[in-house]
């Protein structure tokens, strides 16, 4: 199984869980970890620009990584997953939690 089909399997499972556990539209909290690079952080924040997102960034103790939390109103699980895919596609080395 290649990594693309594994990630699709993951997204399908997440979609099912979100439909079962949440009434939509709903607030959704994304959490990402990126290397502390101002360009990567700005790019990540830009993906959620003009959506009414509340974004918080916290640098790790040694300053090597930055945790970025994004809280915003999403209309359904498909919209949530679209954003995860967009972040993974546009930002190299990002970790989605």
N, C-alpha and C. Protein backbone atom coordinates (compact mmCIF):
# COMPACT_ATOMS: atom_id res chain seq x y z
N UNK A 1 0.85 -1.18 0.00
CA UNK A 1 0.00 0.00 0.00
C UNK A 1 0.90 1.24 0.00
N UNK A 2 0.65 2.18 -0.92
CA UNK A 2 1.49 3.37 -0.95
C UNK A 2 1.01 4.41 0.05
N UNK A 3 1.84 5.43 0.27
CA UNK A 3 1.50 6.43 1.30
C UNK A 3 0.25 7.22 0.95
N UNK A 4 -0.03 7.38 -0.35
CA UNK A 4 -1.23 8.12 -0.77
C UNK A 4 -2.50 7.38 -0.36
N UNK A 5 -2.52 6.06 -0.57
CA UNK A 5 -3.73 5.32 -0.19
C UNK A 5 -3.84 5.20 1.34
N UNK A 6 -2.69 5.17 2.04
CA UNK A 6 -2.72 5.17 3.50
C UNK A 6 -3.31 6.47 4.01
N UNK A 7 -2.92 7.60 3.42
CA UNK A 7 -3.44 8.88 3.90
C UNK A 7 -4.92 9.00 3.55
N UNK A 8 -5.35 8.48 2.40
CA UNK A 8 -6.78 8.52 2.07
C UNK A 8 -7.58 7.68 3.06
N UNK A 9 -7.01 6.56 3.47
CA UNK A 9 -7.64 5.70 4.47
C UNK A 9 -7.78 6.48 5.79
N UNK A 10 -6.72 7.19 6.17
CA UNK A 10 -6.74 8.00 7.39
C UNK A 10 -7.84 9.07 7.29
N UNK A 11 -7.90 9.77 6.17
CA UNK A 11 -8.90 10.84 6.00
C UNK A 11 -10.32 10.29 6.00
N UNK A 12 -10.51 9.12 5.39
CA UNK A 12 -11.85 8.51 5.40
C UNK A 12 -12.27 8.17 6.83
N UNK A 13 -11.34 7.64 7.61
CA UNK A 13 -11.64 7.30 9.00
C UNK A 13 -11.94 8.56 9.81
N UNK A 14 -11.14 9.60 9.61
CA UNK A 14 -11.35 10.87 10.31
C UNK A 14 -12.71 11.46 9.93
N UNK A 15 -13.04 11.43 8.65
CA UNK A 15 -14.34 11.96 8.18
C UNK A 15 -15.48 11.26 8.91
N UNK A 16 -15.42 9.94 9.00
CA UNK A 16 -16.45 9.17 9.69
C UNK A 16 -16.56 9.55 11.16
N UNK A 17 -15.41 9.68 11.83
CA UNK A 17 -15.40 10.05 13.25
C UNK A 17 -15.99 11.44 13.46
N UNK A 18 -15.64 12.37 12.57
CA UNK A 18 -16.15 13.74 12.72
C UNK A 18 -17.66 13.79 12.52
N UNK A 19 -18.18 13.02 11.56
CA UNK A 19 -19.63 13.00 11.34
C UNK A 19 -20.35 12.40 12.56
N UNK A 20 -19.74 11.37 13.17
CA UNK A 20 -20.38 10.69 14.30
C UNK A 20 -20.36 11.51 15.59
N UNK A 21 -19.30 12.30 15.80
CA UNK A 21 -19.10 12.92 17.10
C UNK A 21 -19.43 14.41 17.16
N UNK A 22 -19.77 15.01 16.02
CA UNK A 22 -19.91 16.47 16.00
C UNK A 22 -21.15 16.90 15.23
N UNK A 23 -21.80 17.94 15.72
CA UNK A 23 -22.92 18.55 15.00
C UNK A 23 -22.35 19.69 14.16
N UNK A 24 -22.58 19.62 12.86
CA UNK A 24 -22.00 20.61 11.94
C UNK A 24 -23.00 21.66 11.54
N UNK A 25 -22.56 22.92 11.27
CA UNK A 25 -21.19 23.45 11.37
C UNK A 25 -20.71 23.50 12.81
N UNK A 26 -19.37 23.47 12.97
CA UNK A 26 -18.79 23.43 14.31
C UNK A 26 -17.41 24.09 14.33
N UNK A 27 -17.00 24.50 15.53
CA UNK A 27 -15.64 24.99 15.72
C UNK A 27 -14.70 23.79 15.62
N UNK A 28 -13.58 23.96 14.93
CA UNK A 28 -12.60 22.88 14.81
C UNK A 28 -11.23 23.43 15.15
N UNK A 29 -10.47 22.66 15.93
CA UNK A 29 -9.13 23.08 16.33
C UNK A 29 -8.09 22.23 15.60
N UNK A 30 -7.34 22.89 14.72
CA UNK A 30 -6.21 22.25 14.04
C UNK A 30 -4.97 22.49 14.88
N UNK A 31 -4.06 21.51 14.90
CA UNK A 31 -2.76 21.69 15.55
C UNK A 31 -1.70 21.19 14.60
N UNK A 32 -0.70 22.04 14.38
CA UNK A 32 0.40 21.70 13.49
C UNK A 32 1.72 21.99 14.18
N UNK A 33 2.74 21.25 13.78
CA UNK A 33 4.10 21.54 14.23
C UNK A 33 4.95 21.72 12.98
N UNK A 34 5.69 22.83 12.96
CA UNK A 34 6.59 23.11 11.84
C UNK A 34 7.93 23.54 12.41
N UNK A 35 8.98 23.41 11.59
CA UNK A 35 10.27 23.96 11.99
C UNK A 35 10.09 25.46 12.13
N UNK A 36 10.79 26.05 13.10
CA UNK A 36 10.66 27.48 13.36
C UNK A 36 11.29 28.27 12.20
N UNK A 37 10.47 28.46 11.17
CA UNK A 37 10.87 29.18 9.97
C UNK A 37 9.75 30.18 9.69
N UNK A 38 10.05 31.46 9.78
CA UNK A 38 9.00 32.47 9.66
C UNK A 38 8.23 32.37 8.34
N UNK A 39 8.90 31.94 7.26
CA UNK A 39 8.21 31.80 5.96
C UNK A 39 7.19 30.66 6.01
N UNK A 40 7.58 29.54 6.63
CA UNK A 40 6.65 28.39 6.73
C UNK A 40 5.45 28.75 7.62
N UNK A 41 5.72 29.44 8.72
CA UNK A 41 4.64 29.81 9.63
C UNK A 41 3.69 30.79 8.95
N UNK A 42 4.24 31.76 8.23
CA UNK A 42 3.40 32.73 7.51
C UNK A 42 2.58 32.03 6.43
N UNK A 43 3.17 31.06 5.76
CA UNK A 43 2.45 30.31 4.72
C UNK A 43 1.30 29.52 5.34
N UNK A 44 1.57 28.89 6.48
CA UNK A 44 0.54 28.13 7.19
C UNK A 44 -0.60 29.06 7.61
N UNK A 45 -0.26 30.19 8.19
CA UNK A 45 -1.29 31.15 8.61
C UNK A 45 -2.07 31.66 7.40
N UNK A 46 -1.40 31.83 6.28
CA UNK A 46 -2.04 32.32 5.05
C UNK A 46 -3.11 31.37 4.52
N UNK A 47 -2.93 30.08 4.74
CA UNK A 47 -3.91 29.08 4.28
C UNK A 47 -5.26 29.31 4.96
N UNK A 48 -5.23 29.82 6.19
CA UNK A 48 -6.46 30.05 6.95
C UNK A 48 -6.87 31.53 6.97
N UNK A 49 -6.20 32.34 6.15
CA UNK A 49 -6.47 33.78 6.10
C UNK A 49 -7.89 34.04 5.60
N UNK A 50 -8.49 35.09 6.09
CA UNK A 50 -9.84 35.52 5.68
C UNK A 50 -10.93 34.49 5.95
N UNK A 51 -10.71 33.64 6.95
CA UNK A 51 -11.72 32.64 7.32
C UNK A 51 -12.23 32.87 8.74
N UNK A 52 -11.73 33.90 9.40
CA UNK A 52 -12.13 34.16 10.78
C UNK A 52 -11.43 33.27 11.78
N UNK A 53 -10.27 32.75 11.40
CA UNK A 53 -9.54 31.83 12.27
C UNK A 53 -8.83 32.56 13.40
N UNK A 54 -8.77 31.91 14.57
CA UNK A 54 -7.96 32.38 15.69
C UNK A 54 -6.71 31.51 15.67
N UNK A 55 -5.56 32.15 15.47
CA UNK A 55 -4.30 31.42 15.31
C UNK A 55 -3.35 31.78 16.43
N UNK A 56 -2.81 30.74 17.09
CA UNK A 56 -1.82 30.92 18.15
C UNK A 56 -0.57 30.11 17.81
N UNK A 57 0.59 30.72 17.99
CA UNK A 57 1.86 30.05 17.74
C UNK A 57 2.69 30.05 19.01
N UNK A 58 3.32 28.91 19.30
CA UNK A 58 4.19 28.79 20.47
C UNK A 58 5.47 28.09 20.03
N UNK A 59 6.59 28.76 20.27
CA UNK A 59 7.87 28.18 19.91
C UNK A 59 8.30 27.17 20.97
N UNK A 60 8.97 26.11 20.54
CA UNK A 60 9.45 25.10 21.49
C UNK A 60 10.54 25.71 22.37
N UNK A 61 10.85 25.01 23.45
CA UNK A 61 11.81 25.52 24.43
C UNK A 61 13.16 25.84 23.79
N UNK A 62 13.61 24.98 22.88
CA UNK A 62 14.90 25.22 22.24
C UNK A 62 14.79 26.06 20.96
N UNK A 63 13.55 26.43 20.59
CA UNK A 63 13.35 27.31 19.44
C UNK A 63 13.43 26.64 18.08
N UNK A 64 13.57 25.32 18.06
CA UNK A 64 13.71 24.61 16.79
C UNK A 64 12.37 24.41 16.08
N UNK A 65 11.30 24.24 16.84
CA UNK A 65 9.98 23.99 16.27
C UNK A 65 8.96 24.99 16.80
N UNK A 66 7.89 25.16 16.04
CA UNK A 66 6.78 26.02 16.46
C UNK A 66 5.49 25.24 16.34
N UNK A 67 4.69 25.30 17.40
CA UNK A 67 3.36 24.70 17.40
C UNK A 67 2.37 25.78 16.98
N UNK A 68 1.54 25.47 16.00
CA UNK A 68 0.55 26.43 15.52
C UNK A 68 -0.84 25.83 15.71
N UNK A 69 -1.68 26.52 16.48
CA UNK A 69 -3.07 26.10 16.69
C UNK A 69 -3.97 27.04 15.90
N UNK A 70 -4.92 26.44 15.18
CA UNK A 70 -5.85 27.22 14.37
C UNK A 70 -7.26 26.80 14.75
N UNK A 71 -8.05 27.74 15.26
CA UNK A 71 -9.42 27.45 15.67
C UNK A 71 -10.36 28.24 14.78
N UNK A 72 -11.28 27.53 14.12
CA UNK A 72 -12.24 28.23 13.27
C UNK A 72 -13.49 27.41 13.03
N UNK A 73 -14.51 28.10 12.56
CA UNK A 73 -15.79 27.48 12.28
C UNK A 73 -15.73 26.80 10.91
N UNK A 74 -16.03 25.51 10.90
CA UNK A 74 -16.02 24.74 9.65
C UNK A 74 -17.44 24.23 9.39
N UNK A 75 -17.81 24.11 8.11
CA UNK A 75 -19.19 23.73 7.79
C UNK A 75 -19.42 22.22 7.86
N UNK A 76 -18.37 21.41 7.58
CA UNK A 76 -18.53 19.95 7.62
C UNK A 76 -17.17 19.26 7.62
N UNK A 77 -17.12 17.95 7.86
CA UNK A 77 -15.85 17.22 7.88
C UNK A 77 -15.07 17.31 6.57
N UNK A 78 -15.76 17.40 5.45
CA UNK A 78 -15.05 17.50 4.17
C UNK A 78 -14.22 18.78 4.10
N UNK A 79 -14.75 19.87 4.62
CA UNK A 79 -14.01 21.13 4.64
C UNK A 79 -12.79 21.01 5.56
N UNK A 80 -12.95 20.34 6.69
CA UNK A 80 -11.84 20.11 7.62
C UNK A 80 -10.72 19.36 6.91
N UNK A 81 -11.06 18.29 6.21
CA UNK A 81 -10.07 17.45 5.54
C UNK A 81 -9.42 18.19 4.37
N UNK A 82 -10.18 18.99 3.64
CA UNK A 82 -9.61 19.79 2.55
C UNK A 82 -8.47 20.66 3.06
N UNK A 83 -8.64 21.27 4.23
CA UNK A 83 -7.60 22.13 4.80
C UNK A 83 -6.38 21.33 5.23
N UNK A 84 -6.60 20.14 5.83
CA UNK A 84 -5.46 19.29 6.18
C UNK A 84 -4.65 18.95 4.93
N UNK A 85 -5.34 18.60 3.86
CA UNK A 85 -4.65 18.24 2.61
C UNK A 85 -3.91 19.44 2.02
N UNK A 86 -4.53 20.61 2.06
CA UNK A 86 -3.89 21.82 1.54
C UNK A 86 -2.61 22.14 2.31
N UNK A 87 -2.67 22.04 3.63
CA UNK A 87 -1.49 22.30 4.46
C UNK A 87 -0.39 21.30 4.12
N UNK A 88 -0.73 20.02 4.05
CA UNK A 88 0.26 18.98 3.78
C UNK A 88 0.90 19.18 2.41
N UNK A 89 0.12 19.65 1.45
CA UNK A 89 0.60 19.85 0.08
C UNK A 89 1.51 21.08 -0.03
N UNK A 90 1.21 22.13 0.71
CA UNK A 90 1.90 23.41 0.54
C UNK A 90 3.07 23.63 1.49
N UNK A 91 3.11 22.90 2.61
CA UNK A 91 4.15 23.15 3.61
C UNK A 91 4.95 21.88 3.87
N UNK A 92 6.17 21.90 3.41
CA UNK A 92 7.04 20.74 3.54
C UNK A 92 7.40 20.48 5.00
N UNK A 93 7.29 19.22 5.41
CA UNK A 93 7.71 18.83 6.74
C UNK A 93 6.75 19.15 7.87
N UNK A 94 5.54 19.60 7.53
CA UNK A 94 4.57 19.93 8.58
C UNK A 94 4.05 18.64 9.22
N UNK A 95 3.81 18.69 10.52
CA UNK A 95 3.21 17.58 11.23
C UNK A 95 1.82 18.02 11.67
N UNK A 96 0.81 17.25 11.28
CA UNK A 96 -0.57 17.54 11.67
C UNK A 96 -0.93 16.65 12.84
N UNK A 97 -1.47 17.26 13.90
CA UNK A 97 -1.87 16.49 15.09
C UNK A 97 -3.37 16.37 15.15
